[in-house]
Protein backbone atom coordinates (compact mmCIF):
# COMPACT_ATOMS: atom_id res chain seq x y z
CA MET A 1 4.21 6.65 46.91
CA THR A 2 7.66 6.85 48.48
CA ASN A 3 10.46 4.60 47.26
CA ARG A 4 12.31 2.58 49.89
CA ALA A 5 16.07 2.36 49.46
CA VAL A 6 17.31 -1.22 49.04
CA THR A 7 20.92 -2.35 49.42
CA LEU A 8 22.81 -5.02 47.52
CA ASP A 9 22.72 -7.13 50.68
CA GLU A 10 18.93 -7.35 50.41
CA ILE A 11 18.91 -8.88 46.92
CA VAL A 12 17.94 -12.55 46.88
CA TRP A 13 20.46 -14.23 44.56
CA ASN A 14 19.86 -17.68 43.08
CA ASP A 15 22.20 -20.63 43.73
CA ASP A 16 24.56 -19.31 41.03
CA GLY A 17 24.70 -15.89 42.68
CA LEU A 18 22.52 -14.32 39.95
CA ALA A 19 19.23 -12.48 39.71
CA PRO A 20 17.13 -11.91 36.58
CA VAL A 21 17.05 -8.37 35.22
CA ILE A 22 14.06 -7.12 33.24
CA VAL A 23 15.04 -4.18 31.04
CA GLN A 24 12.51 -1.50 30.04
CA GLN A 25 12.76 1.70 28.06
CA TRP A 26 12.38 4.33 30.77
CA ASP A 27 9.88 6.64 29.05
CA THR A 28 7.65 4.20 27.13
CA LEU A 29 8.02 1.22 29.50
CA GLU A 30 8.56 -1.00 26.46
CA VAL A 31 10.06 -4.32 27.62
CA LEU A 32 13.38 -4.66 25.82
CA MET A 33 15.09 -7.76 27.15
CA LEU A 34 15.86 -10.02 30.06
CA ALA A 35 19.40 -10.66 31.27
CA TRP A 36 21.22 -11.77 34.42
CA ALA A 37 23.32 -9.89 36.94
CA ASP A 38 25.37 -10.79 39.95
CA ARG A 39 26.37 -8.48 42.77
CA GLU A 40 29.38 -7.07 40.87
CA ALA A 41 27.39 -6.44 37.66
CA LEU A 42 24.74 -4.62 39.66
CA HIS A 43 27.40 -2.59 41.49
CA ARG A 44 28.97 -1.58 38.16
CA THR A 45 25.55 -0.65 36.77
CA LEU A 46 24.74 1.55 39.75
CA THR A 47 28.10 3.33 39.80
CA GLU A 48 28.61 3.75 36.03
CA LYS A 49 24.95 4.28 35.04
CA ARG A 50 25.55 1.87 32.14
CA ALA A 51 23.84 -1.53 32.11
CA THR A 52 26.26 -4.34 32.96
CA TYR A 53 25.29 -8.01 33.02
CA TRP A 54 26.74 -11.45 33.67
CA SER A 55 26.83 -13.69 30.60
CA ARG A 56 25.95 -17.22 31.68
CA SER A 57 27.17 -18.68 28.36
CA ARG A 58 30.50 -16.83 28.22
CA GLN A 59 30.99 -16.69 31.99
CA GLN A 60 32.02 -13.03 31.91
CA TYR A 61 30.70 -9.52 32.41
CA TRP A 62 29.38 -7.53 29.48
CA ARG A 63 28.46 -3.90 29.44
CA LYS A 64 25.66 -3.36 26.96
CA GLY A 65 26.86 -1.47 23.90
CA ASP A 66 30.63 -1.82 24.33
CA THR A 67 30.95 -3.85 21.11
CA SER A 68 27.64 -3.12 19.34
CA GLY A 69 27.25 0.57 20.14
CA HIS A 70 23.70 -0.19 21.36
CA VAL A 71 24.20 1.41 24.75
CA GLN A 72 21.82 1.28 27.70
CA HIS A 73 22.08 4.39 29.88
CA VAL A 74 20.47 3.50 33.18
CA ARG A 75 17.82 5.92 34.45
CA GLY A 76 16.63 3.84 37.40
CA VAL A 77 16.99 0.47 39.10
CA HIS A 78 14.18 -1.16 41.08
CA VAL A 79 13.77 -4.44 42.95
CA ASP A 80 10.55 -6.43 43.07
CA CYS A 81 8.62 -7.10 46.28
CA ASP A 82 10.40 -10.44 46.88
CA GLY A 83 13.85 -8.96 46.29
CA ASP A 84 14.70 -11.59 43.68
CA THR A 85 14.09 -9.76 40.40
CA ILE A 86 15.63 -6.50 39.25
CA LEU A 87 14.22 -3.91 36.86
CA PHE A 88 16.48 -1.60 34.86
CA LEU A 89 14.83 1.49 33.38
CA VAL A 90 17.12 2.52 30.54
CA ASP A 91 17.51 4.92 27.68
CA GLN A 92 18.23 2.45 24.88
CA THR A 93 20.37 3.48 21.91
CA GLY A 94 19.73 1.24 18.89
CA ALA A 95 18.74 -2.40 19.18
CA ALA A 96 18.41 -4.07 22.56
CA CYS A 97 18.34 -7.61 21.17
CA HIS A 98 21.42 -9.46 19.93
CA THR A 99 19.42 -10.27 16.76
CA GLY A 100 19.42 -6.58 15.87
CA THR A 101 15.78 -5.87 16.76
CA ARG A 102 14.60 -3.13 19.12
CA THR A 103 13.30 -5.65 21.66
CA CYS A 104 13.79 -9.35 22.27
CA PHE A 105 10.00 -9.70 22.57
CA ASP A 106 8.82 -8.31 19.25
CA ASP A 107 7.82 -11.17 16.96
CA ARG A 108 7.36 -14.47 18.80
CA GLU A 109 3.93 -14.76 20.37
CA LEU A 110 3.25 -17.90 22.38
CA VAL A 111 -0.14 -19.38 21.59
CA LEU A 112 -2.02 -22.39 22.86
CA ARG A 113 -3.21 -24.52 19.98
CA GLU A 114 -6.54 -26.26 20.35
CA GLY A 115 -6.08 -29.89 21.29
CA ALA A 116 -2.55 -29.31 22.54
CA ALA A 117 -1.64 -30.89 25.84
CA SER A 118 -1.30 -28.42 28.68
């Protein structure tokens, strides 16, 4: 399978100018976290090879690991078939989650309880 090059102009941004970013460990494909990026964050990520995101709560850019030391070196960036979701393949150093765990998806399984409304 041949990869098709995609430009920043082809990304489908939401009304806030953001797109969700799924982050996976490049070699194990372990899902580490989900974050948000705008055009500038994605540009920084591609040029610096360090994961940069847009913080919706702080309204500022953050480069993963600058304060925690838990760096994400970017090994690849892919866009889904609709162009509205981004995948970062990273080499994660330390914890990916702000809680200090390896992944943000490690201990909270969603279950449907019998008798619960759907």
